[in-house]
PDB file of N, CA and C in Angstrom:
ATOM      1  N   MET A   1       8.373 -41.064 -30.913  1.00  0.00           N
ATOM      2  CA  MET A   1       7.783 -41.493 -29.675  1.00  0.00           C
ATOM      3  C   MET A   1       7.318 -40.258 -28.907  1.00  0.00           C
ATOM      4  N   ASN A   2       6.019 -40.161 -28.707  1.00  0.00           N
ATOM      5  CA  ASN A   2       5.459 -39.042 -27.959  1.00  0.00           C
ATOM      6  C   ASN A   2       5.369 -39.381 -26.484  1.00  0.00           C
ATOM      7  N   LYS A   3       5.888 -38.472 -25.710  1.00  0.00           N
ATOM      8  CA  LYS A   3       5.838 -38.680 -24.270  1.00  0.00           C
ATOM      9  C   LYS A   3       4.911 -37.621 -23.665  1.00  0.00           C
ATOM     10  N   GLU A   4       3.819 -38.076 -23.038  1.00  0.00           N
ATOM     11  CA  GLU A   4       2.899 -37.123 -22.417  1.00  0.00           C
ATOM     12  C   GLU A   4       3.476 -36.656 -21.092  1.00  0.00           C
ATOM     13  N   GLN A   5       3.302 -35.353 -20.848  1.00  0.00           N
ATOM     14  CA  GLN A   5       3.783 -34.804 -19.587  1.00  0.00           C
ATOM     15  C   GLN A   5       2.629 -34.701 -18.601  1.00  0.00           C
ATOM     16  N   ASP A   6       2.917 -35.075 -17.394  1.00  0.00           N
ATOM     17  CA  ASP A   6       1.933 -34.942 -16.318  1.00  0.00           C
ATOM     18  C   ASP A   6       1.932 -33.477 -15.893  1.00  0.00           C
ATOM     19  N   PRO A   7       0.776 -32.770 -16.031  1.00  0.00           N
ATOM     20  CA  PRO A   7       0.755 -31.354 -15.677  1.00  0.00           C
ATOM     21  C   PRO A   7       1.086 -31.091 -14.209  1.00  0.00           C
ATOM     22  N   GLY A   8       0.917 -32.071 -13.354  1.00  0.00           N
ATOM     23  CA  GLY A   8       1.218 -31.882 -11.939  1.00  0.00           C
ATOM     24  C   GLY A   8       2.626 -32.312 -11.569  1.00  0.00           C
ATOM     25  N   GLN A   9       3.369 -32.783 -12.577  1.00  0.00           N
ATOM     26  CA  GLN A   9       4.703 -33.310 -12.324  1.00  0.00           C
ATOM     27  C   GLN A   9       5.624 -32.226 -11.786  1.00  0.00           C
ATOM     28  N   GLY A  10       6.335 -32.538 -10.715  1.00  0.00           N
ATOM     29  CA  GLY A  10       7.300 -31.604 -10.166  1.00  0.00           C
ATOM     30  C   GLY A  10       6.733 -30.573  -9.209  1.00  0.00           C
ATOM     31  N   VAL A  11       5.411 -30.489  -9.071  1.00  0.00           N
ATOM     32  CA  VAL A  11       4.835 -29.491  -8.173  1.00  0.00           C
ATOM     33  C   VAL A  11       4.131 -30.125  -6.981  1.00  0.00           C
ATOM     34  N   VAL A  12       4.223 -31.434  -6.866  1.00  0.00           N
ATOM     35  CA  VAL A  12       3.536 -32.127  -5.783  1.00  0.00           C
ATOM     36  C   VAL A  12       3.999 -31.626  -4.422  1.00  0.00           C
ATOM     37  N   ALA A  13       5.300 -31.428  -4.247  1.00  0.00           N
ATOM     38  CA  ALA A  13       5.831 -30.988  -2.961  1.00  0.00           C
ATOM     39  C   ALA A  13       5.393 -29.566  -2.617  1.00  0.00           C
ATOM     40  N   ASP A  14       5.091 -28.765  -3.633  1.00  0.00           N
ATOM     41  CA  ASP A  14       4.713 -27.373  -3.418  1.00  0.00           C
ATOM     42  C   ASP A  14       3.207 -27.175  -3.303  1.00  0.00           C
ATOM     43  N   GLU A  15       2.447 -28.243  -3.401  1.00  0.00           N
ATOM     44  CA  GLU A  15       0.993 -28.119  -3.303  1.00  0.00           C
ATOM     45  C   GLU A  15       0.614 -27.607  -1.927  1.00  0.00           C
ATOM     46  N   PRO A  16      -0.209 -26.558  -1.850  1.00  0.00           N
ATOM     47  CA  PRO A  16      -0.626 -26.076  -0.527  1.00  0.00           C
ATOM     48  C   PRO A  16      -1.587 -27.055   0.142  1.00  0.00           C
ATOM     49  N   GLU A  17      -1.588 -27.027   1.463  1.00  0.00           N
ATOM     50  CA  GLU A  17      -2.544 -27.829   2.225  1.00  0.00           C
ATOM     51  C   GLU A  17      -3.941 -27.300   1.924  1.00  0.00           C
ATOM     52  N   GLU A  18      -4.940 -28.164   2.000  1.00  0.00           N
ATOM     53  CA  GLU A  18      -6.328 -27.717   1.812  1.00  0.00           C
ATOM     54  C   GLU A  18      -6.750 -26.817   2.968  1.00  0.00           C
ATOM     55  N   LEU A  19      -6.466 -27.263   4.214  1.00  0.00           N
ATOM     56  CA  LEU A  19      -6.875 -26.525   5.402  1.00  0.00           C
ATOM     57  C   LEU A  19      -5.846 -26.714   6.498  1.00  0.00           C
ATOM     58  N   ILE A  20      -5.428 -25.606   7.107  1.00  0.00           N
ATOM     59  CA  ILE A  20      -4.552 -25.674   8.275  1.00  0.00           C
ATOM     60  C   ILE A  20      -5.257 -24.973   9.424  1.00  0.00           C
ATOM     61  N   ASP A  21      -5.475 -25.728  10.502  1.00  0.00           N
ATOM     62  CA  ASP A  21      -6.000 -25.154  11.741  1.00  0.00           C
ATOM     63  C   ASP A  21      -4.765 -24.690  12.516  1.00  0.00           C
ATOM     64  N   LEU A  22      -4.558 -23.370  12.595  1.00  0.00           N
ATOM     65  CA  LEU A  22      -3.333 -22.842  13.197  1.00  0.00           C
ATOM     66  C   LEU A  22      -3.104 -23.340  14.609  1.00  0.00           C
ATOM     67  N   GLU A  23      -4.167 -23.406  15.399  1.00  0.00           N
ATOM     68  CA  GLU A  23      -4.024 -23.840  16.789  1.00  0.00           C
ATOM     69  C   GLU A  23      -3.539 -25.281  16.869  1.00  0.00           C
ATOM     70  N   GLU A  24      -4.148 -26.164  16.070  1.00  0.00           N
ATOM     71  CA  GLU A  24      -3.754 -27.580  16.080  1.00  0.00           C
ATOM     72  C   GLU A  24      -2.323 -27.761  15.581  1.00  0.00           C
ATOM     73  N   TRP A  25      -1.956 -27.035  14.510  1.00  0.00           N
ATOM     74  CA  TRP A  25      -0.614 -27.159  13.957  1.00  0.00           C
ATOM     75  C   TRP A  25       0.423 -26.671  14.949  1.00  0.00           C
ATOM     76  N   ALA A  26       0.149 -25.547  15.632  1.00  0.00           N
ATOM     77  CA  ALA A  26       1.111 -25.007  16.600  1.00  0.00           C
ATOM     78  C   ALA A  26       1.289 -25.970  17.772  1.00  0.00           C
ATOM     79  N   LYS A  27       0.186 -26.511  18.273  1.00  0.00           N
ATOM     80  CA  LYS A  27       0.265 -27.431  19.410  1.00  0.00           C
ATOM     81  C   LYS A  27       1.004 -28.716  19.035  1.00  0.00           C
ATOM     82  N   ALA A  28       0.900 -29.117  17.760  1.00  0.00           N
ATOM     83  CA  ALA A  28       1.589 -30.324  17.297  1.00  0.00           C
ATOM     84  C   ALA A  28       3.045 -30.034  16.948  1.00  0.00           C
ATOM     85  N   GLY A  29       3.426 -28.748  16.975  1.00  0.00           N
ATOM     86  CA  GLY A  29       4.794 -28.378  16.656  1.00  0.00           C
ATOM     87  C   GLY A  29       5.121 -28.481  15.178  1.00  0.00           C
ATOM     88  N   LYS A  30       4.101 -28.482  14.320  1.00  0.00           N
ATOM     89  CA  LYS A  30       4.332 -28.588  12.878  1.00  0.00           C
ATOM     90  C   LYS A  30       4.794 -27.241  12.326  1.00  0.00           C
ATOM     91  N   PRO A  31       5.761 -27.258  11.419  1.00  0.00           N
ATOM     92  CA  PRO A  31       6.196 -26.007  10.802  1.00  0.00           C
ATOM     93  C   PRO A  31       5.104 -25.471   9.870  1.00  0.00           C
ATOM     94  N   PRO A  32       4.968 -24.154   9.779  1.00  0.00           N
ATOM     95  CA  PRO A  32       3.924 -23.591   8.923  1.00  0.00           C
ATOM     96  C   PRO A  32       4.228 -23.829   7.452  1.00  0.00           C
ATOM     97  N   LYS A  33       3.189 -23.837   6.642  1.00  0.00           N
ATOM     98  CA  LYS A  33       3.346 -23.990   5.199  1.00  0.00           C
ATOM     99  C   LYS A  33       2.151 -23.345   4.510  1.00  0.00           C
ATOM    100  N   PRO A  34       2.249 -23.115   3.223  1.00  0.00           N
ATOM    101  CA  PRO A  34       1.120 -22.508   2.506  1.00  0.00           C
ATOM    102  C   PRO A  34      -0.131 -23.382   2.576  1.00  0.00           C
ATOM    103  N   ALA A  35      -1.283 -22.726   2.626  1.00  0.00           N
ATOM    104  CA  ALA A  35      -2.555 -23.446   2.669  1.00  0.00           C
ATOM    105  C   ALA A  35      -3.594 -22.679   1.874  1.00  0.00           C
ATOM    106  N   LYS A  36      -4.592 -23.394   1.386  1.00  0.00           N
ATOM    107  CA  LYS A  36      -5.702 -22.746   0.683  1.00  0.00           C
ATOM    108  C   LYS A  36      -6.617 -22.055   1.687  1.00  0.00           C
ATOM    109  N   VAL A  37      -6.760 -22.672   2.877  1.00  0.00           N
ATOM    110  CA  VAL A  37      -7.616 -22.127   3.922  1.00  0.00           C
ATOM    111  C   VAL A  37      -6.892 -22.235   5.262  1.00  0.00           C
ATOM    112  N   TYR A  38      -6.908 -21.150   6.010  1.00  0.00           N
ATOM    113  CA  TYR A  38      -6.371 -21.157   7.369  1.00  0.00           C
ATOM    114  C   TYR A  38      -7.538 -21.023   8.341  1.00  0.00           C
ATOM    115  N   ARG A  39      -7.574 -21.882   9.344  1.00  0.00           N
ATOM    116  CA  ARG A  39      -8.593 -21.783  10.391  1.00  0.00           C
ATOM    117  C   ARG A  39      -7.933 -21.081  11.577  1.00  0.00           C
ATOM    118  N   ILE A  40      -8.454 -19.896  11.893  1.00  0.00           N
ATOM    119  CA  ILE A  40      -7.891 -19.127  13.009  1.00  0.00           C
ATOM    120  C   ILE A  40      -8.928 -19.042  14.123  1.00  0.00           C
ATOM    121  N   ARG A  41      -8.439 -18.941  15.363  1.00  0.00           N
ATOM    122  CA  ARG A  41      -9.345 -18.809  16.497  1.00  0.00           C
ATOM    123  C   ARG A  41      -9.187 -17.410  17.069  1.00  0.00           C
ATOM    124  N   ILE A  42     -10.313 -16.718  17.208  1.00  0.00           N
ATOM    125  CA  ILE A  42     -10.348 -15.398  17.805  1.00  0.00           C
ATOM    126  C   ILE A  42     -11.231 -15.532  19.034  1.00  0.00           C
ATOM    127  N   ASP A  43     -10.637 -15.409  20.218  1.00  0.00           N
ATOM    128  CA  ASP A  43     -11.323 -15.701  21.478  1.00  0.00           C
ATOM    129  C   ASP A  43     -11.830 -17.143  21.410  1.00  0.00           C
ATOM    130  N   THR A  44     -13.144 -17.370  21.403  1.00  0.00           N
ATOM    131  CA  THR A  44     -13.664 -18.742  21.347  1.00  0.00           C
ATOM    132  C   THR A  44     -14.224 -19.102  19.966  1.00  0.00           C
ATOM    133  N   VAL A  45     -14.128 -18.163  19.021  1.00  0.00           N
ATOM    134  CA  VAL A  45     -14.725 -18.341  17.691  1.00  0.00           C
ATOM    135  C   VAL A  45     -13.672 -18.758  16.679  1.00  0.00           C
ATOM    136  N   LYS A  46     -13.948 -19.826  15.923  1.00  0.00           N
ATOM    137  CA  LYS A  46     -13.041 -20.250  14.854  1.00  0.00           C
ATOM    138  C   LYS A  46     -13.581 -19.733  13.526  1.00  0.00           C
ATOM    139  N   LYS A  47     -12.671 -19.181  12.718  1.00  0.00           N
ATOM    140  CA  LYS A  47     -13.031 -18.641  11.401  1.00  0.00           C
ATOM    141  C   LYS A  47     -12.081 -19.205  10.362  1.00  0.00           C
ATOM    142  N   ASP A  48     -12.612 -19.522   9.187  1.00  0.00           N
ATOM    143  CA  ASP A  48     -11.801 -19.985   8.072  1.00  0.00           C
ATOM    144  C   ASP A  48     -11.550 -18.813   7.131  1.00  0.00           C
ATOM    145  N   VAL A  49     -10.278 -18.567   6.814  1.00  0.00           N
ATOM    146  CA  VAL A  49      -9.919 -17.481   5.909  1.00  0.00           C
ATOM    147  C   VAL A  49      -9.129 -18.044   4.741  1.00  0.00           C
ATOM    148  N   THR A  50      -9.284 -17.415   3.579  1.00  0.00           N
ATOM    149  CA  THR A  50      -8.645 -17.924   2.360  1.00  0.00           C
ATOM    150  C   THR A  50      -7.470 -17.057   1.921  1.00  0.00           C
ATOM    151  N   VAL A  51      -6.922 -16.276   2.851  1.00  0.00           N
ATOM    152  CA  VAL A  51      -5.752 -15.448   2.563  1.00  0.00           C
ATOM    153  C   VAL A  51      -4.630 -15.843   3.518  1.00  0.00           C
ATOM    154  N   ALA A  52      -3.379 -15.555   3.137  1.00  0.00           N
ATOM    155  CA  ALA A  52      -2.232 -15.945   3.957  1.00  0.00           C
ATOM    156  C   ALA A  52      -1.897 -14.904   5.015  1.00  0.00           C
ATOM    157  N   SER A  53      -2.494 -13.710   4.914  1.00  0.00           N
ATOM    158  CA  SER A  53      -2.229 -12.678   5.912  1.00  0.00           C
ATOM    159  C   SER A  53      -3.411 -11.718   5.978  1.00  0.00           C
ATOM    160  N   MET A  54      -3.544 -11.063   7.127  1.00  0.00           N
ATOM    161  CA  MET A  54      -4.603 -10.069   7.320  1.00  0.00           C
ATOM    162  C   MET A  54      -4.084  -8.990   8.264  1.00  0.00           C
ATOM    163  N   LYS A  55      -4.684  -7.815   8.188  1.00  0.00           N
ATOM    164  CA  LYS A  55      -4.365  -6.739   9.126  1.00  0.00           C
ATOM    165  C   LYS A  55      -5.166  -6.951  10.407  1.00  0.00           C
ATOM    166  N   GLY A  56      -4.682  -6.378  11.496  1.00  0.00           N
ATOM    167  CA  GLY A  56      -5.355  -6.513  12.784  1.00  0.00           C
ATOM    168  C   GLY A  56      -6.823  -6.139  12.722  1.00  0.00           C
ATOM    169  N   ARG A  57      -7.147  -5.024  12.052  1.00  0.00           N
ATOM    170  CA  ARG A  57      -8.552  -4.589  11.971  1.00  0.00           C
ATOM    171  C   ARG A  57      -9.410  -5.593  11.206  1.00  0.00           C
ATOM    172  N   GLU A  58      -8.818  -6.273  10.207  1.00  0.00           N
ATOM    173  CA  GLU A  58      -9.564  -7.278   9.435  1.00  0.00           C
ATOM    174  C   GLU A  58      -9.866  -8.498  10.301  1.00  0.00           C
ATOM    175  N   ILE A  59      -8.912  -8.884  11.140  1.00  0.00           N
ATOM    176  CA  ILE A  59      -9.126 -10.022  12.041  1.00  0.00           C
ATOM    177  C   ILE A  59     -10.233  -9.683  13.037  1.00  0.00           C
ATOM    178  N   LEU A  60     -10.187  -8.480  13.597  1.00  0.00           N
ATOM    179  CA  LEU A  60     -11.235  -8.044  14.535  1.00  0.00           C
ATOM    180  C   LEU A  60     -12.604  -8.039  13.858  1.00  0.00           C
ATOM    181  N   SER A  61     -12.662  -7.593  12.599  1.00  0.00           N
ATOM    182  CA  SER A  61     -13.955  -7.507  11.905  1.00  0.00           C
ATOM    183  C   SER A  61     -14.594  -8.877  11.696  1.00  0.00           C
ATOM    184  N   LEU A  62     -13.779  -9.947  11.671  1.00  0.00           N
ATOM    185  CA  LEU A  62     -14.331 -11.300  11.516  1.00  0.00           C
ATOM    186  C   LEU A  62     -15.264 -11.663  12.666  1.00  0.00           C
ATOM    187  N   VAL A  63     -15.050 -11.034  13.833  1.00  0.00           N
ATOM    188  CA  VAL A  63     -15.892 -11.317  15.005  1.00  0.00           C
ATOM    189  C   VAL A  63     -16.708 -10.081  15.400  1.00  0.00           C
ATOM    190  N   GLY A  64     -16.906  -9.167  14.448  1.00  0.00           N
ATOM    191  CA  GLY A  64     -17.766  -8.014  14.672  1.00  0.00           C
ATOM    192  C   GLY A  64     -17.202  -6.974  15.626  1.00  0.00           C
ATOM    193  N   LYS A  65     -15.877  -6.866  15.702  1.00  0.00           N
ATOM    194  CA  LYS A  65     -15.251  -5.896  16.605  1.00  0.00           C
ATOM    195  C   LYS A  65     -14.406  -4.914  15.804  1.00  0.00           C
ATOM    196  N   THR A  66     -14.114  -3.760  16.403  1.00  0.00           N
ATOM    197  CA  THR A  66     -13.302  -2.737  15.738  1.00  0.00           C
ATOM    198  C   THR A  66     -12.092  -2.387  16.593  1.00  0.00           C
ATOM    199  N   PRO A  67     -11.012  -1.892  15.964  1.00  0.00           N
ATOM    200  CA  PRO A  67      -9.817  -1.519  16.736  1.00  0.00           C
ATOM    201  C   PRO A  67     -10.054  -0.302  17.630  1.00  0.00           C
ATOM    202  N   GLU A  68     -11.121   0.443  17.366  1.00  0.00           N
ATOM    203  CA  GLU A  68     -11.434   1.589  18.203  1.00  0.00           C
ATOM    204  C   GLU A  68     -11.942   1.156  19.581  1.00  0.00           C
ATOM    205  N   THR A  69     -12.581  -0.007  19.640  1.00  0.00           N
ATOM    206  CA  THR A  69     -13.152  -0.463  20.914  1.00  0.00           C
ATOM    207  C   THR A  69     -12.469  -1.708  21.492  1.00  0.00           C
ATOM    208  N   TYR A  70     -11.667  -2.401  20.671  1.00  0.00           N
ATOM    209  CA  TYR A  70     -10.999  -3.626  21.144  1.00  0.00           C
ATOM    210  C   TYR A  70      -9.531  -3.649  20.756  1.00  0.00           C
ATOM    211  N   MET A  71      -8.711  -4.235  21.630  1.00  0.00           N
ATOM    212  CA  MET A  71      -7.310  -4.492  21.326  1.00  0.00           C
ATOM    213  C   MET A  71      -7.207  -5.953  20.885  1.00  0.00           C
ATOM    214  N   LEU A  72      -6.275  -6.231  20.007  1.00  0.00           N
ATOM    215  CA  LEU A  72      -6.067  -7.584  19.497  1.00  0.00           C
ATOM    216  C   LEU A  72      -4.652  -8.024  19.855  1.00  0.00           C
ATOM    217  N   SER A  73      -4.520  -9.279  20.263  1.00  0.00           N
ATOM    218  CA  SER A  73      -3.187  -9.838  20.496  1.00  0.00           C
ATOM    219  C   SER A  73      -3.143 -11.243  19.915  1.00  0.00           C
ATOM    220  N   GLN A  74      -1.937 -11.691  19.582  1.00  0.00           N
ATOM    221  CA  GLN A  74      -1.768 -13.058  19.078  1.00  0.00           C
ATOM    222  C   GLN A  74      -0.996 -13.851  20.100  1.00  0.00           C
ATOM    223  N   LYS A  75      -1.386 -15.096  20.253  1.00  0.00           N
ATOM    224  CA  LYS A  75      -0.730 -16.010  21.195  1.00  0.00           C
ATOM    225  C   LYS A  75       0.162 -16.934  20.384  1.00  0.00           C
ATOM    226  N   ILE A  76       1.466 -16.857  20.697  1.00  0.00           N
ATOM    227  CA  ILE A  76       2.441 -17.733  20.056  1.00  0.00           C
ATOM    228  C   ILE A  76       2.721 -18.882  21.017  1.00  0.00           C
ATOM    229  N   ARG A  77       2.845 -20.090  20.493  1.00  0.00           N
ATOM    230  CA  ARG A  77       3.074 -21.277  21.325  1.00  0.00           C
ATOM    231  C   ARG A  77       4.271 -21.060  22.251  1.00  0.00           C
ATOM    232  N   GLY A  78       4.034 -21.256  23.550  1.00  0.00           N
ATOM    233  CA  GLY A  78       5.092 -21.153  24.534  1.00  0.00           C
ATOM    234  C   GLY A  78       5.454 -19.734  24.937  1.00  0.00           C
ATOM    235  N   GLY A  79       4.711 -18.751  24.435  1.00  0.00           N
ATOM    236  CA  GLY A  79       5.033 -17.364  24.755  1.00  0.00           C
ATOM    237  C   GLY A  79       3.821 -16.599  25.250  1.00  0.00           C
ATOM    238  N   ALA A  80       4.064 -15.355  25.621  1.00  0.00           N
ATOM    239  CA  ALA A  80       2.992 -14.479  26.098  1.00  0.00           C
ATOM    240  C   ALA A  80       2.274 -13.862  24.894  1.00  0.00           C
ATOM    241  N   PRO A  81       1.025 -13.421  25.085  1.00  0.00           N
ATOM    242  CA  PRO A  81       0.315 -12.747  23.991  1.00  0.00           C
ATOM    243  C   PRO A  81       1.066 -11.481  23.556  1.00  0.00           C
ATOM    244  N   THR A  82       1.101 -11.243  22.239  1.00  0.00           N
ATOM    245  CA  THR A  82       1.767 -10.085  21.667  1.00  0.00           C
ATOM    246  C   THR A  82       0.713  -9.167  21.050  1.00  0.00           C
ATOM    247  N   PRO A  83       0.718  -7.876  21.409  1.00  0.00           N
ATOM    248  CA  PRO A  83      -0.266  -6.951  20.823  1.00  0.00           C
ATOM    249  C   PRO A  83      -0.112  -6.836  19.310  1.00  0.00           C
ATOM    250  N   ILE A  84      -1.250  -6.701  18.623  1.00  0.00           N
ATOM    251  CA  ILE A  84      -1.287  -6.522  17.173  1.00  0.00           C
ATOM    252  C   ILE A  84      -1.971  -5.194  16.894  1.00  0.00           C
ATOM    253  N   GLY A  85      -1.303  -4.314  16.157  1.00  0.00           N
ATOM    254  CA  GLY A  85      -1.881  -3.022  15.799  1.00  0.00           C
ATOM    255  C   GLY A  85      -2.958  -3.174  14.737  1.00  0.00           C
ATOM    256  N   ALA A  86      -3.835  -2.186  14.649  1.00  0.00           N
ATOM    257  CA  ALA A  86      -4.943  -2.229  13.687  1.00  0.00           C
ATOM    258  C   ALA A  86      -4.458  -2.374  12.251  1.00  0.00           C
ATOM    259  N   ASP A  87      -3.337  -1.720  11.920  1.00  0.00           N
ATOM    260  CA  ASP A  87      -2.821  -1.768  10.550  1.00  0.00           C
ATOM    261  C   ASP A  87      -1.601  -2.669  10.403  1.00  0.00           C
ATOM    262  N   GLN A  88      -1.342  -3.452  11.444  1.00  0.00           N
ATOM    263  CA  GLN A  88      -0.230  -4.405  11.402  1.00  0.00           C
ATOM    264  C   GLN A  88      -0.672  -5.662  10.676  1.00  0.00           C
ATOM    265  N   THR A  89       0.168  -6.153   9.781  1.00  0.00           N
ATOM    266  CA  THR A  89      -0.149  -7.368   9.024  1.00  0.00           C
ATOM    267  C   THR A  89       0.332  -8.593   9.781  1.00  0.00           C
ATOM    268  N   VAL A  90      -0.551  -9.582   9.873  1.00  0.00           N
ATOM    269  CA  VAL A  90      -0.227 -10.860  10.514  1.00  0.00           C
ATOM    270  C   VAL A  90      -0.178 -11.919   9.424  1.00  0.00           C
ATOM    271  N   ARG A  91       0.951 -12.627   9.347  1.00  0.00           N
ATOM    272  CA  ARG A  91       1.067 -13.722   8.380  1.00  0.00           C
ATOM    273  C   ARG A  91       0.715 -15.026   9.091  1.00  0.00           C
ATOM    274  N   PHE A  92      -0.217 -15.762   8.515  1.00  0.00           N
ATOM    275  CA  PHE A  92      -0.678 -16.997   9.145  1.00  0.00           C
ATOM    276  C   PHE A  92       0.311 -18.142   9.004  1.00  0.00           C
ATOM    277  N   ASP A  93       1.358 -17.970   8.194  1.00  0.00           N
ATOM    278  CA  ASP A  93       2.380 -19.009   8.094  1.00  0.00           C
ATOM    279  C   ASP A  93       3.570 -18.719   9.018  1.00  0.00           C
ATOM    280  N   THR A  94       3.386 -17.794   9.968  1.00  0.00           N
ATOM    281  CA  THR A  94       4.406 -17.515  10.979  1.00  0.00           C
ATOM    282  C   THR A  94       4.458 -18.689  11.959  1.00  0.00           C
ATOM    283  N   PRO A  95       5.644 -19.188  12.279  1.00  0.00           N
ATOM    284  CA  PRO A  95       5.737 -20.339  13.182  1.00  0.00           C
ATOM    285  C   PRO A  95       5.115 -20.079  14.557  1.00  0.00           C
ATOM    286  N   GLY A  96       4.305 -21.034  15.014  1.00  0.00           N
ATOM    287  CA  GLY A  96       3.807 -21.025  16.384  1.00  0.00           C
ATOM    288  C   GLY A  96       2.534 -20.259  16.690  1.00  0.00           C
ATOM    289  N   ILE A  97       1.928 -19.557  15.721  1.00  0.00           N
ATOM    290  CA  ILE A  97       0.698 -18.814  16.028  1.00  0.00           C
ATOM    291  C   ILE A  97      -0.383 -19.815  16.435  1.00  0.00           C
ATOM    292  N   GLU A  98      -0.935 -19.641  17.632  1.00  0.00           N
ATOM    293  CA  GLU A  98      -1.998 -20.519  18.116  1.00  0.00           C
ATOM    294  C   GLU A  98      -3.371 -19.899  17.944  1.00  0.00           C
ATOM    295  N   ARG A  99      -3.500 -18.646  18.423  1.00  0.00           N
ATOM    296  CA  ARG A  99      -4.837 -18.027  18.404  1.00  0.00           C
ATOM    297  C   ARG A  99      -4.702 -16.525  18.602  1.00  0.00           C
ATOM    298  N   PHE A 100      -5.856 -15.856  18.522  1.00  0.00           N
ATOM    299  CA  PHE A 100      -5.924 -14.414  18.727  1.00  0.00           C
ATOM    300  C   PHE A 100      -6.883 -14.134  19.871  1.00  0.00           C
ATOM    301  N   GLN A 101      -6.594 -13.066  20.607  1.00  0.00           N
ATOM    302  CA  GLN A 101      -7.439 -12.686  21.742  1.00  0.00           C
ATOM    303  C   GLN A 101      -7.820 -11.220  21.598  1.00  0.00           C
ATOM    304  N   THR A 102      -9.031 -10.874  22.074  1.00  0.00           N
ATOM    305  CA  THR A 102      -9.450  -9.482  22.073  1.00  0.00           C
ATOM    306  C   THR A 102      -9.669  -9.036  23.508  1.00  0.00           C
ATOM    307  N   LEU A 103      -9.523  -7.741  23.717  1.00  0.00           N
ATOM    308  CA  LEU A 103      -9.743  -7.163  25.032  1.00  0.00           C
ATOM    309  C   LEU A 103     -10.374  -5.791  24.827  1.00  0.00           C
ATOM    310  N   ALA A 104     -11.489  -5.548  25.506  1.00  0.00           N
ATOM    311  CA  ALA A 104     -12.175  -4.260  25.385  1.00  0.00           C
ATOM    312  C   ALA A 104     -11.244  -3.152  25.864  1.00  0.00           C
ATOM    313  N   ARG A 105     -11.186  -2.070  25.106  1.00  0.00           N
ATOM    314  CA  ARG A 105     -10.334  -0.938  25.475  1.00  0.00           C
ATOM    315  C   ARG A 105     -10.900  -0.199  26.685  1.00  0.00           C
ATOM    316  N   ASP A 106     -12.215   0.040  26.689  1.00  0.00           N
ATOM    317  CA  ASP A 106     -12.861   0.732  27.803  1.00  0.00           C
ATOM    318  C   ASP A 106     -13.964  -0.154  28.354  1.00  0.00           C
ATOM    319  N   PRO A 107     -13.698  -0.825  29.466  1.00  0.00           N
ATOM    320  CA  PRO A 107     -14.750  -1.656  30.041  1.00  0.00           C
ATOM    321  C   PRO A 107     -16.001  -0.814  30.349  1.00  0.00           C
ATOM    322  N   THR A 108     -17.150  -1.373  30.047  1.00  0.00           N
ATOM    323  CA  THR A 108     -18.390  -0.638  30.287  1.00  0.00           C
ATOM    324  C   THR A 108     -18.616  -0.411  31.766  1.00  0.00           C
ATOM    325  N   GLU A 109     -19.039   0.777  32.061  1.00  0.00           N
ATOM    326  CA  GLU A 109     -19.344   1.081  33.456  1.00  0.00           C
ATOM    327  C   GLU A 109     -20.739   0.592  33.760  1.00  0.00           C
ATOM    328  N   GLY A 110     -20.914   0.070  34.943  1.00  0.00           N
ATOM    329  CA  GLY A 110     -22.224  -0.478  35.244  1.00  0.00           C
ATOM    330  C   GLY A 110     -22.569  -0.136  36.602  1.00  0.00           C
TER     331      GLY A 110
END
């Protein structure tokens, strides 16, 4: 008697989500989990990324900014913004990450 095995058997619970919008998940209080795509918000711009973590400078580059001219911070649900260094790694499956904010280091004189 031949018994065929289902190739997906036993891994259903470990399947990553197709897309997680970090802001929506944090506001809903959902615990983080692996995903194929993470939707992150930087200021008012939403970007889809296919990696589970990025360095601060990589996040800034998604919106055309550099760590030399802008500071980056992450907003955790229920907390104050936390500064992120240019070479600091941010994991998108960290509980409560809502969004990222940038701030010009030297405001332009006018």
